[in-house]
């Protein structure tokens, strides 16, 4: 089941909810976020982007505004799940209905195994990453599900990818990288695992400090009707107002954002140049 989230693209439906105090953000947050979005797109391989959990909400919101009216607008989806520690198999042993609800959530987002292999483009799961636990549970869940539904694993491996948003550190031959320390990564194509490094202040803010629009959707909540209701906390409403501002900024800043994209090496690729052109046309 897909948890409730306000549709920030429909101002008329939000009404007076967007009036009032916004969630706090640090000075320079929007500039850092815009640059993060540009870097992420340059690594995205023209994929169908699935933003996992609450941490990358702001990335999803800004890009949704920037890509409104472009061919890329249908290639962004928010998957609100929180699951760092337990395998889906273990969760299913304790609560089969939770896994049934999770599968329904994936289908609603267009990311069931059959959806992934049928899509021409790569399906990329994007999230803030420290150790890759959430990514690992998603990957093993999808492979297990594919076996049950006779979806060829080889095809799923070729169409499935992960895009880690990591905290920026000094690079060296001894730099620790999460994907080098987990077994499940070996089942995917090497080029389907990529990382986008962002300033530690932005990573910490998004991952640890920011008020969120959505409620946390832990395994115990996956099958709960409560996740289908609008959040009631003031912090969620204040986060909604911030999210709406970010969406609106993305719409207003199409030309500025296209300029950032044009500076990335991915501009050598045809799809990326086409996206830059669409943004510039939209800005006019």
C-alpha atoms as a PDB file:
ATOM      1  CA  UNK A   1       0.000   0.000   0.000  1.00  0.00           C
ATOM      2  CA  UNK A   2       1.314   3.404  -0.974  1.00  0.00           C
ATOM      3  CA  UNK A   3       1.451   5.830   1.967  1.00  0.00           C
ATOM      4  CA  UNK A   4      -0.331   9.133   1.674  1.00  0.00           C
ATOM      5  CA  UNK A   5       1.676  12.090   0.421  1.00  0.00           C
ATOM      6  CA  UNK A   6       0.263  15.428  -0.629  1.00  0.00           C
ATOM      7  CA  UNK A   7       0.530  16.132  -4.364  1.00  0.00           C
ATOM      8  CA  UNK A   8       2.543  19.347  -4.299  1.00  0.00           C
ATOM      9  CA  UNK A   9       2.048  19.843  -8.037  1.00  0.00           C
ATOM     10  CA  UNK A  10      -1.619  20.721  -7.374  1.00  0.00           C
ATOM     11  CA  UNK A  11      -1.659  24.005  -5.494  1.00  0.00           C
ATOM     12  CA  UNK A  12      -5.431  24.216  -5.715  1.00  0.00           C
ATOM     13  CA  UNK A  13      -5.751  21.006  -3.687  1.00  0.00           C
ATOM     14  CA  UNK A  14      -3.369  22.198  -0.976  1.00  0.00           C
ATOM     15  CA  UNK A  15      -5.388  25.306  -0.228  1.00  0.00           C
ATOM     16  CA  UNK A  16      -4.359  27.069   2.965  1.00  0.00           C
ATOM     17  CA  UNK A  17      -2.078  24.215   4.000  1.00  0.00           C
ATOM     18  CA  UNK A  18       0.811  25.982   2.289  1.00  0.00           C
ATOM     19  CA  UNK A  19       0.266  29.168   4.277  1.00  0.00           C
ATOM     20  CA  UNK A  20       2.400  29.568   7.386  1.00  0.00           C
ATOM     21  CA  UNK A  21       5.812  28.688   8.745  1.00  0.00           C
ATOM     22  CA  UNK A  22       8.155  26.515   6.726  1.00  0.00           C
ATOM     23  CA  UNK A  23      10.448  23.859   8.138  1.00  0.00           C
ATOM     24  CA  UNK A  24      13.878  25.367   8.894  1.00  0.00           C
ATOM     25  CA  UNK A  25      16.809  24.962   6.537  1.00  0.00           C
ATOM     26  CA  UNK A  26      20.424  26.074   6.732  1.00  0.00           C
ATOM     27  CA  UNK A  27      21.802  28.998   4.744  1.00  0.00           C
ATOM     28  CA  UNK A  28      22.824  27.798   1.316  1.00  0.00           C
ATOM     29  CA  UNK A  29      20.580  24.719   1.430  1.00  0.00           C
ATOM     30  CA  UNK A  30      18.811  25.438  -1.852  1.00  0.00           C
ATOM     31  CA  UNK A  31      22.081  25.981  -3.725  1.00  0.00           C
ATOM     32  CA  UNK A  32      23.484  22.726  -2.339  1.00  0.00           C
ATOM     33  CA  UNK A  33      20.277  20.879  -3.207  1.00  0.00           C
ATOM     34  CA  UNK A  34      20.190  22.232  -6.762  1.00  0.00           C
ATOM     35  CA  UNK A  35      23.784  21.124  -7.331  1.00  0.00           C
ATOM     36  CA  UNK A  36      22.995  17.702  -5.838  1.00  0.00           C
ATOM     37  CA  UNK A  37      20.072  17.330  -8.260  1.00  0.00           C
ATOM     38  CA  UNK A  38      22.272  18.231 -11.228  1.00  0.00           C
ATOM     39  CA  UNK A  39      24.972  15.759 -10.181  1.00  0.00           C
ATOM     40  CA  UNK A  40      22.408  13.028  -9.613  1.00  0.00           C
ATOM     41  CA  UNK A  41      20.900  13.513 -13.065  1.00  0.00           C
ATOM     42  CA  UNK A  42      24.344  13.346 -14.656  1.00  0.00           C
ATOM     43  CA  UNK A  43      24.775   9.856 -13.149  1.00  0.00           C
ATOM     44  CA  UNK A  44      21.235   8.664 -13.816  1.00  0.00           C
ATOM     45  CA  UNK A  45      21.772   7.088 -17.273  1.00  0.00           C
ATOM     46  CA  UNK A  46      18.344   8.337 -18.378  1.00  0.00           C
ATOM     47  CA  UNK A  47      16.816   5.925 -15.891  1.00  0.00           C
ATOM     48  CA  UNK A  48      13.452   5.668 -14.166  1.00  0.00           C
ATOM     49  CA  UNK A  49      14.307   7.196 -10.784  1.00  0.00           C
ATOM     50  CA  UNK A  50      12.887   5.762  -7.572  1.00  0.00           C
ATOM     51  CA  UNK A  51      13.580   7.894  -4.499  1.00  0.00           C
ATOM     52  CA  UNK A  52      13.627   5.602  -1.481  1.00  0.00           C
ATOM     53  CA  UNK A  53      12.338   6.643   1.922  1.00  0.00           C
ATOM     54  CA  UNK A  54      12.095  10.111   3.397  1.00  0.00           C
ATOM     55  CA  UNK A  55      15.726  11.234   3.210  1.00  0.00           C
ATOM     56  CA  UNK A  56      15.708  12.214  -0.506  1.00  0.00           C
ATOM     57  CA  UNK A  57      12.252  13.865  -0.412  1.00  0.00           C
ATOM     58  CA  UNK A  58      13.659  17.297  -1.244  1.00  0.00           C
ATOM     59  CA  UNK A  59      15.607  15.947  -4.236  1.00  0.00           C
ATOM     60  CA  UNK A  60      12.388  14.388  -5.531  1.00  0.00           C
ATOM     61  CA  UNK A  61      10.426  17.608  -4.958  1.00  0.00           C
ATOM     62  CA  UNK A  62      12.907  19.923  -6.686  1.00  0.00           C
ATOM     63  CA  UNK A  63      13.339  17.629  -9.683  1.00  0.00           C
ATOM     64  CA  UNK A  64       9.560  17.147  -9.960  1.00  0.00           C
ATOM     65  CA  UNK A  65       9.213  20.908 -10.362  1.00  0.00           C
ATOM     66  CA  UNK A  66      12.147  21.257 -12.753  1.00  0.00           C
ATOM     67  CA  UNK A  67      10.910  18.431 -15.000  1.00  0.00           C
ATOM     68  CA  UNK A  68       7.241  19.423 -14.975  1.00  0.00           C
ATOM     69  CA  UNK A  69       6.126  19.562 -18.599  1.00  0.00           C
ATOM     70  CA  UNK A  70       9.150  17.660 -19.922  1.00  0.00           C
ATOM     71  CA  UNK A  71       9.537  14.093 -21.173  1.00  0.00           C
ATOM     72  CA  UNK A  72      11.270  13.287 -17.868  1.00  0.00           C
ATOM     73  CA  UNK A  73       8.290  14.172 -15.675  1.00  0.00           C
ATOM     74  CA  UNK A  74       6.978  10.592 -15.694  1.00  0.00           C
ATOM     75  CA  UNK A  75      10.330   9.084 -14.729  1.00  0.00           C
ATOM     76  CA  UNK A  76      10.328  10.123 -11.049  1.00  0.00           C
ATOM     77  CA  UNK A  77       8.597   8.246  -8.250  1.00  0.00           C
ATOM     78  CA  UNK A  78       8.744   8.326  -4.454  1.00  0.00           C
ATOM     79  CA  UNK A  79       8.893   4.964  -2.660  1.00  0.00           C
ATOM     80  CA  UNK A  80       8.254   5.644   1.016  1.00  0.00           C
ATOM     81  CA  UNK A  81       9.634   2.663   2.881  1.00  0.00           C
ATOM     82  CA  UNK A  82      12.025   2.463   5.813  1.00  0.00           C
ATOM     83  CA  UNK A  83      13.871  -0.819   6.225  1.00  0.00           C
ATOM     84  CA  UNK A  84      17.560  -0.833   7.100  1.00  0.00           C
ATOM     85  CA  UNK A  85      17.825  -3.841   9.342  1.00  0.00           C
ATOM     86  CA  UNK A  86      15.512  -6.759   8.454  1.00  0.00           C
ATOM     87  CA  UNK A  87      15.376  -8.774   5.248  1.00  0.00           C
ATOM     88  CA  UNK A  88      11.950  -8.850   3.612  1.00  0.00           C
ATOM     89  CA  UNK A  89      12.055 -12.637   3.895  1.00  0.00           C
ATOM     90  CA  UNK A  90      12.347 -12.361   7.673  1.00  0.00           C
ATOM     91  CA  UNK A  91       9.590  -9.750   7.806  1.00  0.00           C
ATOM     92  CA  UNK A  92       7.362 -12.087   5.778  1.00  0.00           C
ATOM     93  CA  UNK A  93       7.931 -14.922   8.241  1.00  0.00           C
ATOM     94  CA  UNK A  94       6.508 -12.702  10.972  1.00  0.00           C
ATOM     95  CA  UNK A  95       3.817 -10.963   8.900  1.00  0.00           C
ATOM     96  CA  UNK A  96       2.842 -12.172   5.430  1.00  0.00           C
ATOM     97  CA  UNK A  97       0.363  -9.307   5.078  1.00  0.00           C
ATOM     98  CA  UNK A  98       3.202  -6.781   5.454  1.00  0.00           C
ATOM     99  CA  UNK A  99       5.010  -8.234   2.438  1.00  0.00           C
ATOM    100  CA  UNK A 100       1.751  -8.372   0.475  1.00  0.00           C
ATOM    101  CA  UNK A 101       1.298  -4.659   1.202  1.00  0.00           C
ATOM    102  CA  UNK A 102       4.904  -3.978   0.168  1.00  0.00           C
ATOM    103  CA  UNK A 103       4.370  -5.727  -3.152  1.00  0.00           C
ATOM    104  CA  UNK A 104       1.237  -3.650  -3.713  1.00  0.00           C
ATOM    105  CA  UNK A 105       3.266  -0.507  -2.963  1.00  0.00           C
ATOM    106  CA  UNK A 106       5.914  -1.524  -5.536  1.00  0.00           C
ATOM    107  CA  UNK A 107       3.237  -2.218  -8.155  1.00  0.00           C
ATOM    108  CA  UNK A 108       1.652   1.188  -7.566  1.00  0.00           C
ATOM    109  CA  UNK A 109       5.071   2.759  -8.158  1.00  0.00           C
ATOM    110  CA  UNK A 110       5.646   0.748 -11.346  1.00  0.00           C
ATOM    111  CA  UNK A 111       8.616  -1.164  -9.936  1.00  0.00           C
ATOM    112  CA  UNK A 112       7.487  -4.784  -9.653  1.00  0.00           C
ATOM    113  CA  UNK A 113      10.027  -7.140 -11.311  1.00  0.00           C
ATOM    114  CA  UNK A 114       7.964  -7.419 -14.496  1.00  0.00           C
ATOM    115  CA  UNK A 115       7.703  -3.618 -14.687  1.00  0.00           C
ATOM    116  CA  UNK A 116      11.469  -3.280 -14.379  1.00  0.00           C
ATOM    117  CA  UNK A 117      12.346  -5.799 -17.093  1.00  0.00           C
ATOM    118  CA  UNK A 118       9.655  -4.420 -19.426  1.00  0.00           C
ATOM    119  CA  UNK A 119      10.938  -0.862 -19.201  1.00  0.00           C
ATOM    120  CA  UNK A 120      13.405   0.203 -21.899  1.00  0.00           C
ATOM    121  CA  UNK A 121      15.433   2.275 -19.473  1.00  0.00           C
ATOM    122  CA  UNK A 122      17.255   1.305 -16.296  1.00  0.00           C
ATOM    123  CA  UNK A 123      15.270   1.477 -13.054  1.00  0.00           C
ATOM    124  CA  UNK A 124      17.454   3.256 -10.493  1.00  0.00           C
ATOM    125  CA  UNK A 125      16.772   3.318  -6.764  1.00  0.00           C
ATOM    126  CA  UNK A 126      18.234   6.481  -5.213  1.00  0.00           C
ATOM    127  CA  UNK A 127      18.761   7.173  -1.517  1.00  0.00           C
ATOM    128  CA  UNK A 128      21.212   8.588   0.999  1.00  0.00           C
ATOM    129  CA  UNK A 129      23.628   5.777   1.751  1.00  0.00           C
ATOM    130  CA  UNK A 130      25.968   4.938   4.592  1.00  0.00           C
ATOM    131  CA  UNK A 131      26.276   1.135   4.400  1.00  0.00           C
ATOM    132  CA  UNK A 132      23.714   0.147   1.752  1.00  0.00           C
ATOM    133  CA  UNK A 133      21.433  -1.896   3.998  1.00  0.00           C
ATOM    134  CA  UNK A 134      18.166  -0.572   2.568  1.00  0.00           C
ATOM    135  CA  UNK A 135      19.411  -1.077  -0.988  1.00  0.00           C
ATOM    136  CA  UNK A 136      20.417  -4.641  -0.156  1.00  0.00           C
ATOM    137  CA  UNK A 137      16.964  -5.508   1.189  1.00  0.00           C
ATOM    138  CA  UNK A 138      15.310  -4.025  -1.911  1.00  0.00           C
ATOM    139  CA  UNK A 139      17.581  -5.971  -4.275  1.00  0.00           C
ATOM    140  CA  UNK A 140      17.167  -9.338  -2.547  1.00  0.00           C
ATOM    141  CA  UNK A 141      13.396  -8.775  -2.272  1.00  0.00           C
ATOM    142  CA  UNK A 142      13.142  -8.083  -6.003  1.00  0.00           C
ATOM    143  CA  UNK A 143      15.234 -11.121  -6.942  1.00  0.00           C
ATOM    144  CA  UNK A 144      13.140 -13.391  -4.698  1.00  0.00           C
ATOM    145  CA  UNK A 145       9.920 -11.948  -6.079  1.00  0.00           C
ATOM    146  CA  UNK A 146      11.163 -12.384  -9.648  1.00  0.00           C
ATOM    147  CA  UNK A 147      11.849 -16.092  -9.027  1.00  0.00           C
ATOM    148  CA  UNK A 148       8.300 -16.604  -7.741  1.00  0.00           C
ATOM    149  CA  UNK A 149       6.842 -14.944 -10.836  1.00  0.00           C
ATOM    150  CA  UNK A 150       9.274 -16.557 -13.312  1.00  0.00           C
ATOM    151  CA  UNK A 151      10.828 -13.239 -14.312  1.00  0.00           C
ATOM    152  CA  UNK A 152      14.298 -14.026 -15.742  1.00  0.00           C
ATOM    153  CA  UNK A 153      16.951 -12.948 -13.245  1.00  0.00           C
ATOM    154  CA  UNK A 154      19.417 -12.127 -15.992  1.00  0.00           C
ATOM    155  CA  UNK A 155      17.009  -9.579 -17.445  1.00  0.00           C
ATOM    156  CA  UNK A 156      16.292  -8.111 -14.007  1.00  0.00           C
ATOM    157  CA  UNK A 157      20.032  -7.765 -13.291  1.00  0.00           C
ATOM    158  CA  UNK A 158      20.524  -5.840 -16.510  1.00  0.00           C
ATOM    159  CA  UNK A 159      17.670  -3.393 -15.829  1.00  0.00           C
ATOM    160  CA  UNK A 160      18.160  -2.782 -12.089  1.00  0.00           C
ATOM    161  CA  UNK A 161      20.479  -0.153 -10.616  1.00  0.00           C
ATOM    162  CA  UNK A 162      21.242   1.811  -7.451  1.00  0.00           C
ATOM    163  CA  UNK A 163      22.360   5.387  -7.060  1.00  0.00           C
ATOM    164  CA  UNK A 164      23.860   6.156  -3.664  1.00  0.00           C
ATOM    165  CA  UNK A 165      23.877   9.731  -2.375  1.00  0.00           C
ATOM    166  CA  UNK A 166      26.968   9.789  -0.185  1.00  0.00           C
ATOM    167  CA  UNK A 167      28.711  12.257   2.082  1.00  0.00           C
ATOM    168  CA  UNK A 168      31.661  13.871   0.327  1.00  0.00           C
ATOM    169  CA  UNK A 169      35.129  12.965   1.594  1.00  0.00           C
ATOM    170  CA  UNK A 170      38.649  13.308   0.302  1.00  0.00           C
ATOM    171  CA  UNK A 171      39.244  10.715  -2.392  1.00  0.00           C
ATOM    172  CA  UNK A 172      42.144   8.291  -2.208  1.00  0.00           C
ATOM    173  CA  UNK A 173      42.872   4.683  -3.210  1.00  0.00           C
ATOM    174  CA  UNK A 174      41.883   3.667   0.342  1.00  0.00           C
ATOM    175  CA  UNK A 175      38.526   5.489   0.401  1.00  0.00           C
ATOM    176  CA  UNK A 176      35.802   3.241   1.849  1.00  0.00           C
ATOM    177  CA  UNK A 177      32.940   2.651  -0.602  1.00  0.00           C
ATOM    178  CA  UNK A 178      29.778   0.941   0.549  1.00  0.00           C
ATOM    179  CA  UNK A 179      29.273  -1.107  -2.632  1.00  0.00           C
ATOM    180  CA  UNK A 180      32.663  -2.788  -2.252  1.00  0.00           C
ATOM    181  CA  UNK A 181      31.601  -4.386   1.018  1.00  0.00           C
ATOM    182  CA  UNK A 182      28.277  -6.092   0.223  1.00  0.00           C
ATOM    183  CA  UNK A 183      27.718  -9.406  -1.551  1.00  0.00           C
ATOM    184  CA  UNK A 184      24.426  -8.679  -3.326  1.00  0.00           C
ATOM    185  CA  UNK A 185      26.094  -6.026  -5.509  1.00  0.00           C
ATOM    186  CA  UNK A 186      27.951  -8.799  -7.338  1.00  0.00           C
ATOM    187  CA  UNK A 187      24.640  -9.900  -8.893  1.00  0.00           C
ATOM    188  CA  UNK A 188      24.302  -6.592 -10.751  1.00  0.00           C
ATOM    189  CA  UNK A 189      26.192  -5.094 -13.652  1.00  0.00           C
ATOM    190  CA  UNK A 190      29.129  -3.025 -12.457  1.00  0.00           C
ATOM    191  CA  UNK A 191      27.917   0.100 -14.252  1.00  0.00           C
ATOM    192  CA  UNK A 192      24.517  -0.110 -12.584  1.00  0.00           C
ATOM    193  CA  UNK A 193      25.888   0.957  -9.188  1.00  0.00           C
ATOM    194  CA  UNK A 194      26.892   4.598  -8.939  1.00  0.00           C
ATOM    195  CA  UNK A 195      27.421   7.207  -6.236  1.00  0.00           C
ATOM    196  CA  UNK A 196      26.809  10.936  -6.061  1.00  0.00           C
ATOM    197  CA  UNK A 197      28.795  12.702  -3.355  1.00  0.00           C
ATOM    198  CA  UNK A 198      27.287  15.776  -1.690  1.00  0.00           C
ATOM    199  CA  UNK A 199      28.512  18.181   1.023  1.00  0.00           C
ATOM    200  CA  UNK A 200      28.353  16.640   4.482  1.00  0.00           C
ATOM    201  CA  UNK A 201      26.151  19.520   5.679  1.00  0.00           C
ATOM    202  CA  UNK A 202      23.501  18.652   3.074  1.00  0.00           C
ATOM    203  CA  UNK A 203      23.783  14.901   3.710  1.00  0.00           C
ATOM    204  CA  UNK A 204      23.418  15.387   7.466  1.00  0.00           C
ATOM    205  CA  UNK A 205      20.504  17.788   7.043  1.00  0.00           C
ATOM    206  CA  UNK A 206      18.565  15.524   4.668  1.00  0.00           C
ATOM    207  CA  UNK A 207      19.345  12.337   6.551  1.00  0.00           C
ATOM    208  CA  UNK A 208      19.199  13.419  10.180  1.00  0.00           C
ATOM    209  CA  UNK A 209      17.740  16.861  10.784  1.00  0.00           C
ATOM    210  CA  UNK A 210      15.155  17.865   8.226  1.00  0.00           C
ATOM    211  CA  UNK A 211      11.426  17.807   8.999  1.00  0.00           C
ATOM    212  CA  UNK A 212       9.722  15.447   6.541  1.00  0.00           C
ATOM    213  CA  UNK A 213       6.494  15.640   4.567  1.00  0.00           C
ATOM    214  CA  UNK A 214       5.771  11.928   4.914  1.00  0.00           C
ATOM    215  CA  UNK A 215       5.522   9.757   7.992  1.00  0.00           C
ATOM    216  CA  UNK A 216       8.062   6.966   8.492  1.00  0.00           C
ATOM    217  CA  UNK A 217       6.798   3.761   6.897  1.00  0.00           C
ATOM    218  CA  UNK A 218       8.464   0.924   8.821  1.00  0.00           C
ATOM    219  CA  UNK A 219       7.707  -2.766   8.202  1.00  0.00           C
ATOM    220  CA  UNK A 220       5.176  -2.821  11.053  1.00  0.00           C
ATOM    221  CA  UNK A 221       3.259  -0.051   9.233  1.00  0.00           C
ATOM    222  CA  UNK A 222       3.344  -1.402   5.672  1.00  0.00           C
ATOM    223  CA  UNK A 223      -0.105  -3.022   5.962  1.00  0.00           C
ATOM    224  CA  UNK A 224      -1.615  -0.425   8.302  1.00  0.00           C
ATOM    225  CA  UNK A 225      -4.531   1.732   7.146  1.00  0.00           C
ATOM    226  CA  UNK A 226      -3.003   4.566   9.172  1.00  0.00           C
ATOM    227  CA  UNK A 227      -0.381   5.205   6.458  1.00  0.00           C
ATOM    228  CA  UNK A 228      -3.178   6.057   4.028  1.00  0.00           C
ATOM    229  CA  UNK A 229      -4.228   9.074   6.085  1.00  0.00           C
ATOM    230  CA  UNK A 230      -2.713  12.597   5.877  1.00  0.00           C
ATOM    231  CA  UNK A 231      -0.137  13.248   8.616  1.00  0.00           C
ATOM    232  CA  UNK A 232      -1.451  15.351  11.506  1.00  0.00           C
ATOM    233  CA  UNK A 233       1.782  16.627  13.012  1.00  0.00           C
ATOM    234  CA  UNK A 234       2.659  20.295  12.573  1.00  0.00           C
ATOM    235  CA  UNK A 235       6.185  19.249  11.570  1.00  0.00           C
ATOM    236  CA  UNK A 236       4.782  17.387   8.542  1.00  0.00           C
ATOM    237  CA  UNK A 237       2.709  20.386   7.482  1.00  0.00           C
ATOM    238  CA  UNK A 238       5.678  22.733   7.822  1.00  0.00           C
ATOM    239  CA  UNK A 239       7.713  20.279   5.747  1.00  0.00           C
ATOM    240  CA  UNK A 240       4.929  20.251   3.152  1.00  0.00           C
ATOM    241  CA  UNK A 241       5.255  24.032   2.789  1.00  0.00           C
ATOM    242  CA  UNK A 242       9.007  23.713   2.304  1.00  0.00           C
ATOM    243  CA  UNK A 243       8.436  20.934  -0.246  1.00  0.00           C
ATOM    244  CA  UNK A 244       5.996  23.110  -2.167  1.00  0.00           C
ATOM    245  CA  UNK A 245       8.567  25.925  -2.223  1.00  0.00           C
ATOM    246  CA  UNK A 246      11.193  23.541  -3.596  1.00  0.00           C
ATOM    247  CA  UNK A 247       8.825  22.258  -6.279  1.00  0.00           C
ATOM    248  CA  UNK A 248       8.019  25.859  -7.230  1.00  0.00           C
ATOM    249  CA  UNK A 249      11.737  26.713  -7.303  1.00  0.00           C
ATOM    250  CA  UNK A 250      12.361  23.836  -9.682  1.00  0.00           C
ATOM    251  CA  UNK A 251       9.675  25.177 -12.005  1.00  0.00           C
ATOM    252  CA  UNK A 252      11.053  28.733 -11.873  1.00  0.00           C
ATOM    253  CA  UNK A 253      14.699  27.726 -12.233  1.00  0.00           C
ATOM    254  CA  UNK A 254      14.503  25.541 -15.341  1.00  0.00           C
ATOM    255  CA  UNK A 255      17.020  27.690 -17.215  1.00  0.00           C
ATOM    256  CA  UNK A 256      19.404  27.949 -14.261  1.00  0.00           C
ATOM    257  CA  UNK A 257      19.146  24.193 -13.721  1.00  0.00           C
ATOM    258  CA  UNK A 258      19.744  23.517 -17.424  1.00  0.00           C
ATOM    259  CA  UNK A 259      22.907  25.618 -17.202  1.00  0.00           C
ATOM    260  CA  UNK A 260      24.130  23.413 -14.340  1.00  0.00           C
ATOM    261  CA  UNK A 261      23.339  20.275 -16.318  1.00  0.00           C
ATOM    262  CA  UNK A 262      25.180  21.585 -19.388  1.00  0.00           C
ATOM    263  CA  UNK A 263      28.386  21.703 -17.324  1.00  0.00           C
ATOM    264  CA  UNK A 264      28.269  17.959 -16.569  1.00  0.00           C
ATOM    265  CA  UNK A 265      30.185  15.391 -18.616  1.00  0.00           C
ATOM    266  CA  UNK A 266      26.910  13.567 -19.307  1.00  0.00           C
ATOM    267  CA  UNK A 267      26.088  16.363 -21.765  1.00  0.00           C
ATOM    268  CA  UNK A 268      28.050  14.277 -24.266  1.00  0.00           C
ATOM    269  CA  UNK A 269      25.081  11.872 -24.278  1.00  0.00           C
ATOM    270  CA  UNK A 270      22.160  12.579 -26.624  1.00  0.00           C
ATOM    271  CA  UNK A 271      19.395  12.069 -24.047  1.00  0.00           C
ATOM    272  CA  UNK A 272      21.079  14.492 -21.664  1.00  0.00           C
ATOM    273  CA  UNK A 273      21.438  17.217 -24.313  1.00  0.00           C
ATOM    274  CA  UNK A 274      17.787  16.710 -25.220  1.00  0.00           C
ATOM    275  CA  UNK A 275      16.814  17.152 -21.561  1.00  0.00           C
ATOM    276  CA  UNK A 276      18.826  20.380 -21.340  1.00  0.00           C
ATOM    277  CA  UNK A 277      17.046  21.664 -24.438  1.00  0.00           C
ATOM    278  CA  UNK A 278      13.617  20.775 -23.037  1.00  0.00           C
ATOM    279  CA  UNK A 279      14.363  22.665 -19.825  1.00  0.00           C
ATOM    280  CA  UNK A 280      15.460  25.746 -21.746  1.00  0.00           C
ATOM    281  CA  UNK A 281      12.367  25.657 -23.917  1.00  0.00           C
ATOM    282  CA  UNK A 282      10.213  25.263 -20.820  1.00  0.00           C
ATOM    283  CA  UNK A 283      11.875  28.273 -19.218  1.00  0.00           C
ATOM    284  CA  UNK A 284      10.829  30.424 -22.168  1.00  0.00           C
END
